[in-house]
Amino acid sequence: MSRLVNELRLKGSTLMTTTRRTLLAGSAVAAAGAALGAPAAQAYSGRDGTRKPTVVLVHGAFADASGWNAVAGRLIRAGYPVIAPANPLRGVAADSAYLASVLATIGGPLVLAAHSYGGIVVTNAVTGNTNVKALVYVAAFAPEQGETLLGLQTRYPGSRLSETALDFRPHGAGVDGYIKKAVFRDVFAGDVPRATTELMWAGQRPADLRTLQEPSGVPAWKATPSWYLVARDDNVLPAAAQWFMARRAGARTVEVGASHVAMISQPAATAELIMRTAC
């Protein structure tokens, strides 16, 4: 991706100015929500009478919130209130500010579970939010301050999400990347039925390529208890990189035999880990 990275660096100063403004705007929205009085989350209680946290499921790039459906169904049947908001996929600061504004409208304790790129969004959006009791990373990026997606993805060998695996479509403010149909299943979801991956490819949401080099901010995992589900057969974010981030964050970690979309191919294990954080 060297050619694209060089092009993106030329836009760096404009990007950072824009994203800083967006982050400030998102913070203002969050503050306004708090001032107006955020509505309480649905009051679900466990058998012992304690209130169950609202679980917020955050999707990553090349996907949408429907990737969480099987996990969400299990959580709902277990009595957890669940929300799976749309991740805009426009940039780290902008997406984090948007998620922070969503969280500001939810009262009560929260557990956030993130997949892939959603991990860097959660890592930034949750910082300072005392309602968040746990973070769950599912084959997700858990960066340290100043790190980038591209740096973490290529830190260890094994990723097949290269420049040759992507189709590029310019838009008014940048360039979107889509995984090519010919390699989508192998790269993204090798353990999911082909009929399902064909639908996933058709409905994939692109990531703005500027997110590859946008540095992360102060990580929420330094102050919030974390869990990590490592996908052993991941062809996007190598398992070695996932273990590196999980250990660094002090996350309680489990490993499953799964592709990058572990929440789709291993929904029971994913839901179980999320529910474990509420114990």
C-alpha atoms as a PDB file:
ATOM      1  CA  MET A   1       0.000   0.000   0.000  1.00  0.00           C
ATOM      2  CA  SER A   2       3.048   2.274  -0.264  1.00  0.00           C
ATOM      3  CA  ARG A   3       1.700   4.367  -3.133  1.00  0.00           C
ATOM      4  CA  LEU A   4      -1.573   5.033  -1.323  1.00  0.00           C
ATOM      5  CA  VAL A   5       0.193   5.776   1.947  1.00  0.00           C
ATOM      6  CA  ASN A   6       2.362   8.409   0.242  1.00  0.00           C
ATOM      7  CA  GLU A   7      -0.696  10.025  -1.312  1.00  0.00           C
ATOM      8  CA  LEU A   8      -2.465  10.038   2.032  1.00  0.00           C
ATOM      9  CA  ARG A   9       0.473  11.685   3.772  1.00  0.00           C
ATOM     10  CA  LEU A  10       0.114  14.657   1.405  1.00  0.00           C
ATOM     11  CA  LYS A  11      -3.380  15.169   2.785  1.00  0.00           C
ATOM     12  CA  GLY A  12      -2.285  14.702   6.383  1.00  0.00           C
ATOM     13  CA  SER A  13      -2.400  18.292   7.598  1.00  0.00           C
ATOM     14  CA  THR A  14      -5.876  18.851   6.175  1.00  0.00           C
ATOM     15  CA  LEU A  15      -7.072  15.562   7.639  1.00  0.00           C
ATOM     16  CA  MET A  16      -5.825  16.310  11.143  1.00  0.00           C
ATOM     17  CA  THR A  17      -7.367  19.785  11.116  1.00  0.00           C
ATOM     18  CA  THR A  18     -10.685  18.322  10.008  1.00  0.00           C
ATOM     19  CA  THR A  19     -10.659  15.424  12.464  1.00  0.00           C
ATOM     20  CA  ARG A  20      -9.732  17.641  15.408  1.00  0.00           C
ATOM     21  CA  ARG A  21     -12.685  19.878  14.608  1.00  0.00           C
ATOM     22  CA  THR A  22     -14.926  16.827  14.282  1.00  0.00           C
ATOM     23  CA  LEU A  23     -13.757  15.437  17.616  1.00  0.00           C
ATOM     24  CA  LEU A  24     -14.452  18.743  19.317  1.00  0.00           C
ATOM     25  CA  ALA A  25     -17.892  18.844  17.728  1.00  0.00           C
ATOM     26  CA  GLY A  26     -18.588  15.307  18.935  1.00  0.00           C
ATOM     27  CA  SER A  27     -17.511  16.240  22.438  1.00  0.00           C
ATOM     28  CA  ALA A  28     -19.888  19.174  22.354  1.00  0.00           C
ATOM     29  CA  VAL A  29     -22.742  16.866  21.342  1.00  0.00           C
ATOM     30  CA  ALA A  30     -21.866  14.490  24.171  1.00  0.00           C
ATOM     31  CA  ALA A  31     -21.821  17.348  26.662  1.00  0.00           C
ATOM     32  CA  ALA A  32     -25.159  18.595  25.372  1.00  0.00           C
ATOM     33  CA  GLY A  33     -26.634  15.121  25.811  1.00  0.00           C
ATOM     34  CA  ALA A  34     -25.445  15.007  29.388  1.00  0.00           C
ATOM     35  CA  ALA A  35     -26.833  18.472  30.080  1.00  0.00           C
ATOM     36  CA  LEU A  36     -30.233  17.560  28.685  1.00  0.00           C
ATOM     37  CA  GLY A  37     -30.309  14.349  30.685  1.00  0.00           C
ATOM     38  CA  ALA A  38     -29.469  11.128  28.880  1.00  0.00           C
ATOM     39  CA  PRO A  39     -32.308   8.593  28.861  1.00  0.00           C
ATOM     40  CA  ALA A  40     -31.793   5.553  31.028  1.00  0.00           C
ATOM     41  CA  ALA A  41     -31.033   2.229  29.412  1.00  0.00           C
ATOM     42  CA  GLN A  42     -33.667  -0.474  29.479  1.00  0.00           C
ATOM     43  CA  ALA A  43     -33.880  -1.881  33.000  1.00  0.00           C
ATOM     44  CA  TYR A  44     -32.917  -5.527  32.668  1.00  0.00           C
ATOM     45  CA  SER A  45     -32.027  -7.292  35.893  1.00  0.00           C
ATOM     46  CA  GLY A  46     -30.297 -10.548  36.614  1.00  0.00           C
ATOM     47  CA  ARG A  47     -31.659 -13.242  38.898  1.00  0.00           C
ATOM     48  CA  ASP A  48     -29.870 -11.628  41.824  1.00  0.00           C
ATOM     49  CA  GLY A  49     -31.658  -8.352  41.156  1.00  0.00           C
ATOM     50  CA  THR A  50     -28.607  -6.506  39.860  1.00  0.00           C
ATOM     51  CA  ARG A  51     -28.974  -4.420  36.756  1.00  0.00           C
ATOM     52  CA  LYS A  52     -27.415  -5.844  33.627  1.00  0.00           C
ATOM     53  CA  PRO A  53     -25.236  -3.503  31.576  1.00  0.00           C
ATOM     54  CA  THR A  54     -26.222  -2.339  28.132  1.00  0.00           C
ATOM     55  CA  VAL A  55     -24.006  -4.044  25.568  1.00  0.00           C
ATOM     56  CA  VAL A  56     -22.868  -1.809  22.716  1.00  0.00           C
ATOM     57  CA  LEU A  57     -21.632  -3.750  19.664  1.00  0.00           C
ATOM     58  CA  VAL A  58     -19.334  -1.825  17.319  1.00  0.00           C
ATOM     59  CA  HIS A  59     -18.600  -3.165  13.848  1.00  0.00           C
ATOM     60  CA  GLY A  60     -15.480  -2.589  11.789  1.00  0.00           C
ATOM     61  CA  ALA A  61     -14.622  -1.863   8.167  1.00  0.00           C
ATOM     62  CA  PHE A  62     -15.998  -3.826   5.191  1.00  0.00           C
ATOM     63  CA  ALA A  63     -19.001  -4.735   7.353  1.00  0.00           C
ATOM     64  CA  ASP A  64     -22.062  -3.364   9.084  1.00  0.00           C
ATOM     65  CA  ALA A  65     -23.910  -3.974  12.341  1.00  0.00           C
ATOM     66  CA  SER A  66     -25.651  -7.086  10.970  1.00  0.00           C
ATOM     67  CA  GLY A  67     -22.402  -8.987  11.524  1.00  0.00           C
ATOM     68  CA  TRP A  68     -23.295  -8.933  15.217  1.00  0.00           C
ATOM     69  CA  ASN A  69     -26.798 -10.418  14.745  1.00  0.00           C
ATOM     70  CA  ALA A  70     -26.051 -13.908  16.067  1.00  0.00           C
ATOM     71  CA  VAL A  71     -24.228 -12.502  19.086  1.00  0.00           C
ATOM     72  CA  ALA A  72     -26.907  -9.897  19.740  1.00  0.00           C
ATOM     73  CA  GLY A  73     -29.620 -12.547  19.628  1.00  0.00           C
ATOM     74  CA  ARG A  74     -27.866 -14.583  22.312  1.00  0.00           C
ATOM     75  CA  LEU A  75     -27.362 -11.533  24.505  1.00  0.00           C
ATOM     76  CA  ILE A  76     -30.971 -10.428  24.175  1.00  0.00           C
ATOM     77  CA  ARG A  77     -32.229 -13.911  25.050  1.00  0.00           C
ATOM     78  CA  ALA A  78     -29.992 -13.776  28.126  1.00  0.00           C
ATOM     79  CA  GLY A  79     -31.671 -10.564  29.220  1.00  0.00           C
ATOM     80  CA  TYR A  80     -29.122  -7.938  28.150  1.00  0.00           C
ATOM     81  CA  PRO A  81     -30.172  -4.670  26.526  1.00  0.00           C
ATOM     82  CA  VAL A  82     -28.234  -4.388  23.252  1.00  0.00           C
ATOM     83  CA  ILE A  83     -27.489  -1.647  20.751  1.00  0.00           C
ATOM     84  CA  ALA A  84     -25.383  -1.996  17.601  1.00  0.00           C
ATOM     85  CA  PRO A  85     -24.907   1.504  16.180  1.00  0.00           C
ATOM     86  CA  ALA A  86     -23.628   2.231  12.702  1.00  0.00           C
ATOM     87  CA  ASN A  87     -19.901   3.006  12.572  1.00  0.00           C
ATOM     88  CA  PRO A  88     -19.450   5.757   9.950  1.00  0.00           C
ATOM     89  CA  LEU A  89     -16.003   4.454   8.807  1.00  0.00           C
ATOM     90  CA  ARG A  90     -14.873   7.951   7.829  1.00  0.00           C
ATOM     91  CA  GLY A  91     -11.895   8.448  10.142  1.00  0.00           C
ATOM     92  CA  VAL A  92     -10.625   7.568  13.608  1.00  0.00           C
ATOM     93  CA  ALA A  93     -11.348  10.906  15.291  1.00  0.00           C
ATOM     94  CA  ALA A  94     -14.648  11.451  13.477  1.00  0.00           C
ATOM     95  CA  ASP A  95     -15.935   7.932  14.131  1.00  0.00           C
ATOM     96  CA  SER A  96     -14.820   8.048  17.763  1.00  0.00           C
ATOM     97  CA  ALA A  97     -16.593  11.352  18.308  1.00  0.00           C
ATOM     98  CA  TYR A  98     -19.751   9.929  16.770  1.00  0.00           C
ATOM     99  CA  LEU A  99     -19.675   6.843  18.993  1.00  0.00           C
ATOM    100  CA  ALA A 100     -19.005   9.006  22.056  1.00  0.00           C
ATOM    101  CA  SER A 101     -22.126  11.014  21.232  1.00  0.00           C
ATOM    102  CA  VAL A 102     -24.166   7.802  21.002  1.00  0.00           C
ATOM    103  CA  LEU A 103     -22.845   6.567  24.349  1.00  0.00           C
ATOM    104  CA  ALA A 104     -23.807   9.890  25.940  1.00  0.00           C
ATOM    105  CA  THR A 105     -27.460   9.077  25.256  1.00  0.00           C
ATOM    106  CA  ILE A 106     -27.390   5.753  27.120  1.00  0.00           C
ATOM    107  CA  GLY A 107     -27.761   5.715  30.878  1.00  0.00           C
ATOM    108  CA  GLY A 108     -26.469   3.087  33.272  1.00  0.00           C
ATOM    109  CA  PRO A 109     -23.516   0.715  33.055  1.00  0.00           C
ATOM    110  CA  LEU A 110     -22.126  -0.177  29.627  1.00  0.00           C
ATOM    111  CA  VAL A 111     -20.053  -2.962  28.098  1.00  0.00           C
ATOM    112  CA  LEU A 112     -18.559  -2.263  24.690  1.00  0.00           C
ATOM    113  CA  ALA A 113     -17.594  -5.031  22.277  1.00  0.00           C
ATOM    114  CA  ALA A 114     -15.702  -4.101  19.123  1.00  0.00           C
ATOM    115  CA  HIS A 115     -14.600  -5.935  16.008  1.00  0.00           C
ATOM    116  CA  SER A 116     -11.580  -5.098  13.837  1.00  0.00           C
ATOM    117  CA  TYR A 117     -11.406  -1.344  13.059  1.00  0.00           C
ATOM    118  CA  GLY A 118     -14.172  -0.871  15.625  1.00  0.00           C
ATOM    119  CA  GLY A 119     -11.508  -1.535  18.239  1.00  0.00           C
ATOM    120  CA  ILE A 120      -9.598   1.676  17.525  1.00  0.00           C
ATOM    121  CA  VAL A 121     -12.897   3.591  17.560  1.00  0.00           C
ATOM    122  CA  VAL A 122     -13.884   2.187  20.951  1.00  0.00           C
ATOM    123  CA  THR A 123     -10.366   2.711  22.316  1.00  0.00           C
ATOM    124  CA  ASN A 124     -10.729   6.438  21.633  1.00  0.00           C
ATOM    125  CA  ALA A 125     -14.464   6.995  22.183  1.00  0.00           C
ATOM    126  CA  VAL A 126     -14.612   5.450  25.657  1.00  0.00           C
ATOM    127  CA  THR A 127     -11.694   7.290  27.258  1.00  0.00           C
ATOM    128  CA  GLY A 128     -13.007   9.133  30.313  1.00  0.00           C
ATOM    129  CA  ASN A 129     -16.503   7.559  30.192  1.00  0.00           C
ATOM    130  CA  THR A 130     -17.053   6.186  33.695  1.00  0.00           C
ATOM    131  CA  ASN A 131     -20.240   4.354  32.679  1.00  0.00           C
ATOM    132  CA  VAL A 132     -18.172   1.869  30.665  1.00  0.00           C
ATOM    133  CA  LYS A 133     -17.378  -1.114  32.868  1.00  0.00           C
ATOM    134  CA  ALA A 134     -15.605  -3.338  30.332  1.00  0.00           C
ATOM    135  CA  LEU A 135     -14.179  -3.477  26.827  1.00  0.00           C
ATOM    136  CA  VAL A 136     -14.266  -6.609  24.696  1.00  0.00           C
ATOM    137  CA  TYR A 137     -12.006  -6.725  21.642  1.00  0.00           C
ATOM    138  CA  VAL A 138     -12.993  -9.335  19.043  1.00  0.00           C
ATOM    139  CA  ALA A 139     -10.112  -9.752  16.570  1.00  0.00           C
ATOM    140  CA  ALA A 140      -9.875  -5.993  16.989  1.00  0.00           C
ATOM    141  CA  PHE A 141      -7.295  -3.230  17.026  1.00  0.00           C
ATOM    142  CA  ALA A 142      -6.362  -2.107  20.548  1.00  0.00           C
ATOM    143  CA  PRO A 143      -3.777   0.604  19.841  1.00  0.00           C
ATOM    144  CA  GLU A 144      -1.488   2.549  22.102  1.00  0.00           C
ATOM    145  CA  GLN A 145      -1.450   6.331  21.750  1.00  0.00           C
ATOM    146  CA  GLY A 146       0.128   7.372  18.445  1.00  0.00           C
ATOM    147  CA  GLU A 147      -0.185   3.967  16.770  1.00  0.00           C
ATOM    148  CA  THR A 148      -1.956   3.447  13.450  1.00  0.00           C
ATOM    149  CA  LEU A 149      -4.011   0.687  11.874  1.00  0.00           C
ATOM    150  CA  LEU A 150      -1.454   0.074   9.158  1.00  0.00           C
ATOM    151  CA  GLY A 151       1.390  -0.114  11.656  1.00  0.00           C
ATOM    152  CA  LEU A 152      -0.383  -2.720  13.787  1.00  0.00           C
ATOM    153  CA  GLN A 153      -1.690  -4.738  10.841  1.00  0.00           C
ATOM    154  CA  THR A 154       1.809  -5.083   9.378  1.00  0.00           C
ATOM    155  CA  ARG A 155       3.708  -5.445  12.662  1.00  0.00           C
ATOM    156  CA  TYR A 156       3.645  -9.237  12.244  1.00  0.00           C
ATOM    157  CA  PRO A 157       3.510 -11.250   8.991  1.00  0.00           C
ATOM    158  CA  GLY A 158       0.378 -12.999   7.832  1.00  0.00           C
ATOM    159  CA  SER A 159      -2.154 -10.370   6.733  1.00  0.00           C
ATOM    160  CA  ARG A 160      -3.619 -10.893   3.260  1.00  0.00           C
ATOM    161  CA  LEU A 161      -5.379  -7.543   3.247  1.00  0.00           C
ATOM    162  CA  SER A 162      -2.888  -5.893   0.902  1.00  0.00           C
ATOM    163  CA  GLU A 163      -3.299  -3.207  -1.733  1.00  0.00           C
ATOM    164  CA  THR A 164      -3.865  -5.903  -4.365  1.00  0.00           C
ATOM    165  CA  ALA A 165      -6.860  -7.239  -2.420  1.00  0.00           C
ATOM    166  CA  LEU A 166      -8.737  -3.940  -2.623  1.00  0.00           C
ATOM    167  CA  ASP A 167     -10.825  -2.018  -5.106  1.00  0.00           C
ATOM    168  CA  PHE A 168     -10.505   1.772  -4.798  1.00  0.00           C
ATOM    169  CA  ARG A 169     -13.305   4.262  -5.376  1.00  0.00           C
ATOM    170  CA  PRO A 170     -12.560   7.975  -5.003  1.00  0.00           C
ATOM    171  CA  HIS A 171     -15.107  10.239  -3.347  1.00  0.00           C
ATOM    172  CA  GLY A 172     -15.226  13.964  -2.763  1.00  0.00           C
ATOM    173  CA  ALA A 173     -12.926  13.987   0.264  1.00  0.00           C
ATOM    174  CA  GLY A 174     -10.743  10.923  -0.258  1.00  0.00           C
ATOM    175  CA  VAL A 175     -10.675   7.301  -1.405  1.00  0.00           C
ATOM    176  CA  ASP A 176     -12.727   4.341  -0.177  1.00  0.00           C
ATOM    177  CA  GLY A 177     -11.416   0.779  -0.151  1.00  0.00           C
ATOM    178  CA  TYR A 178     -13.507  -2.351  -0.765  1.00  0.00           C
ATOM    179  CA  ILE A 179     -12.273  -5.938  -0.594  1.00  0.00           C
ATOM    180  CA  LYS A 180     -12.364  -7.515  -4.056  1.00  0.00           C
ATOM    181  CA  LYS A 181     -14.981 -10.172  -4.678  1.00  0.00           C
ATOM    182  CA  ALA A 182     -12.415 -12.751  -5.836  1.00  0.00           C
ATOM    183  CA  VAL A 183     -10.587 -12.727  -2.494  1.00  0.00           C
ATOM    184  CA  PHE A 184     -13.262 -11.572  -0.041  1.00  0.00           C
ATOM    185  CA  ARG A 185     -14.017 -14.968   1.501  1.00  0.00           C
ATOM    186  CA  ASP A 186     -10.375 -16.066   1.742  1.00  0.00           C
ATOM    187  CA  VAL A 187      -9.203 -12.776   3.249  1.00  0.00           C
ATOM    188  CA  PHE A 188     -12.137 -11.834   5.438  1.00  0.00           C
ATOM    189  CA  ALA A 189     -14.369 -14.775   6.292  1.00  0.00           C
ATOM    190  CA  GLY A 190     -12.879 -18.122   5.292  1.00  0.00           C
ATOM    191  CA  ASP A 191     -14.925 -20.157   7.784  1.00  0.00           C
ATOM    192  CA  VAL A 192     -18.300 -18.684   6.818  1.00  0.00           C
ATOM    193  CA  PRO A 193     -20.522 -20.391   4.190  1.00  0.00           C
ATOM    194  CA  ARG A 194     -19.893 -19.107   0.669  1.00  0.00           C
ATOM    195  CA  ALA A 195     -23.521 -18.081   0.178  1.00  0.00           C
ATOM    196  CA  THR A 196     -23.241 -15.884   3.262  1.00  0.00           C
ATOM    197  CA  THR A 197     -19.933 -14.311   2.237  1.00  0.00           C
ATOM    198  CA  GLU A 198     -21.365 -13.442  -1.181  1.00  0.00           C
ATOM    199  CA  LEU A 199     -24.018 -11.387   0.585  1.00  0.00           C
ATOM    200  CA  MET A 200     -21.413  -9.898   2.904  1.00  0.00           C
ATOM    201  CA  TRP A 201     -19.312  -8.832  -0.074  1.00  0.00           C
ATOM    202  CA  ALA A 202     -22.290  -7.311  -1.868  1.00  0.00           C
ATOM    203  CA  GLY A 203     -23.286  -5.266   1.170  1.00  0.00           C
ATOM    204  CA  GLN A 204     -19.847  -4.390   2.515  1.00  0.00           C
ATOM    205  CA  ARG A 205     -19.339  -0.835   3.721  1.00  0.00           C
ATOM    206  CA  PRO A 206     -16.053   0.728   2.647  1.00  0.00           C
ATOM    207  CA  ALA A 207     -13.392   2.263   4.826  1.00  0.00           C
ATOM    208  CA  ASP A 208     -11.885   5.620   3.981  1.00  0.00           C
ATOM    209  CA  LEU A 209      -8.215   4.836   3.373  1.00  0.00           C
ATOM    210  CA  ARG A 210      -7.076   7.820   5.411  1.00  0.00           C
ATOM    211  CA  THR A 211      -7.889   5.818   8.534  1.00  0.00           C
ATOM    212  CA  LEU A 212      -4.826   3.653   7.840  1.00  0.00           C
ATOM    213  CA  GLN A 213      -2.406   6.371   8.908  1.00  0.00           C
ATOM    214  CA  GLU A 214      -4.494   8.337  11.408  1.00  0.00           C
ATOM    215  CA  PRO A 215      -2.882   8.050  14.865  1.00  0.00           C
ATOM    216  CA  SER A 216      -4.876   6.830  17.834  1.00  0.00           C
ATOM    217  CA  GLY A 217      -5.345   8.871  20.993  1.00  0.00           C
ATOM    218  CA  VAL A 218      -5.159   8.050  24.702  1.00  0.00           C
ATOM    219  CA  PRO A 219      -6.348   4.415  25.002  1.00  0.00           C
ATOM    220  CA  ALA A 220      -9.355   3.586  27.142  1.00  0.00           C
ATOM    221  CA  TRP A 221      -7.941   0.142  27.968  1.00  0.00           C
ATOM    222  CA  LYS A 222      -5.452   1.751  30.337  1.00  0.00           C
ATOM    223  CA  ALA A 223      -8.273   2.600  32.731  1.00  0.00           C
ATOM    224  CA  THR A 224     -11.049   0.167  31.756  1.00  0.00           C
ATOM    225  CA  PRO A 225     -10.929  -3.626  32.301  1.00  0.00           C
ATOM    226  CA  SER A 226     -10.501  -5.411  28.973  1.00  0.00           C
ATOM    227  CA  TRP A 227     -11.123  -8.814  27.447  1.00  0.00           C
ATOM    228  CA  TYR A 228      -9.877 -10.082  24.079  1.00  0.00           C
ATOM    229  CA  LEU A 229     -11.084 -12.814  21.719  1.00  0.00           C
ATOM    230  CA  VAL A 230      -8.167 -13.860  19.489  1.00  0.00           C
ATOM    231  CA  ALA A 231      -9.090 -15.314  16.093  1.00  0.00           C
ATOM    232  CA  ARG A 232      -6.415 -17.929  15.399  1.00  0.00           C
ATOM    233  CA  ASP A 233      -6.983 -18.130  11.625  1.00  0.00           C
ATOM    234  CA  ASP A 234      -7.338 -14.414  10.946  1.00  0.00           C
ATOM    235  CA  ASN A 235      -6.076 -13.325   7.501  1.00  0.00           C
ATOM    236  CA  VAL A 236      -6.667  -9.605   8.111  1.00  0.00           C
ATOM    237  CA  LEU A 237      -5.141  -8.965  11.543  1.00  0.00           C
ATOM    238  CA  PRO A 238      -2.631 -11.729  12.329  1.00  0.00           C
ATOM    239  CA  ALA A 239      -3.184 -13.635  15.560  1.00  0.00           C
ATOM    240  CA  ALA A 240       0.329 -12.655  16.680  1.00  0.00           C
ATOM    241  CA  ALA A 241      -0.672  -8.990  16.512  1.00  0.00           C
ATOM    242  CA  GLN A 242      -3.853  -9.718  18.432  1.00  0.00           C
ATOM    243  CA  TRP A 243      -1.932 -11.496  21.202  1.00  0.00           C
ATOM    244  CA  PHE A 244       0.552  -8.608  21.338  1.00  0.00           C
ATOM    245  CA  MET A 245      -2.218  -6.039  21.832  1.00  0.00           C
ATOM    246  CA  ALA A 246      -4.156  -8.223  24.285  1.00  0.00           C
ATOM    247  CA  ARG A 247      -1.131  -8.792  26.515  1.00  0.00           C
ATOM    248  CA  ARG A 248      -0.134  -5.154  26.422  1.00  0.00           C
ATOM    249  CA  ALA A 249      -3.635  -4.111  27.478  1.00  0.00           C
ATOM    250  CA  GLY A 250      -3.660  -6.666  30.303  1.00  0.00           C
ATOM    251  CA  ALA A 251      -6.768  -8.187  28.747  1.00  0.00           C
ATOM    252  CA  ARG A 252      -8.213 -11.488  29.852  1.00  0.00           C
ATOM    253  CA  THR A 253      -7.869 -13.468  26.668  1.00  0.00           C
ATOM    254  CA  VAL A 254      -9.352 -16.511  24.954  1.00  0.00           C
ATOM    255  CA  GLU A 255      -8.425 -17.903  21.557  1.00  0.00           C
ATOM    256  CA  VAL A 256     -10.789 -19.570  19.095  1.00  0.00           C
ATOM    257  CA  GLY A 257     -10.275 -21.223  15.729  1.00  0.00           C
ATOM    258  CA  ALA A 258     -11.888 -18.546  13.590  1.00  0.00           C
ATOM    259  CA  SER A 259     -11.384 -16.239  10.663  1.00  0.00           C
ATOM    260  CA  HIS A 260     -11.379 -12.459  11.053  1.00  0.00           C
ATOM    261  CA  VAL A 261     -15.166 -12.447  11.561  1.00  0.00           C
ATOM    262  CA  ALA A 262     -15.104 -14.509  14.751  1.00  0.00           C
ATOM    263  CA  MET A 263     -18.381 -12.981  15.942  1.00  0.00           C
ATOM    264  CA  ILE A 264     -20.095 -14.525  12.873  1.00  0.00           C
ATOM    265  CA  SER A 265     -18.407 -17.929  12.796  1.00  0.00           C
ATOM    266  CA  GLN A 266     -18.124 -18.301  16.604  1.00  0.00           C
ATOM    267  CA  PRO A 267     -21.121 -16.365  18.004  1.00  0.00           C
ATOM    268  CA  ALA A 268     -21.552 -18.564  21.071  1.00  0.00           C
ATOM    269  CA  ALA A 269     -17.936 -18.093  22.202  1.00  0.00           C
ATOM    270  CA  THR A 270     -18.144 -14.364  21.485  1.00  0.00           C
ATOM    271  CA  ALA A 271     -21.397 -13.890  23.398  1.00  0.00           C
ATOM    272  CA  GLU A 272     -20.095 -15.971  26.304  1.00  0.00           C
ATOM    273  CA  LEU A 273     -17.015 -13.772  26.612  1.00  0.00           C
ATOM    274  CA  ILE A 274     -19.127 -10.612  26.560  1.00  0.00           C
ATOM    275  CA  MET A 275     -21.438 -11.957  29.237  1.00  0.00           C
ATOM    276  CA  ARG A 276     -18.442 -12.966  31.344  1.00  0.00           C
ATOM    277  CA  THR A 277     -17.498  -9.298  31.696  1.00  0.00           C
ATOM    278  CA  ALA A 278     -20.746  -8.612  33.536  1.00  0.00           C
ATOM    279  CA  CYS A 279     -20.084 -11.230  36.221  1.00  0.00           C
END
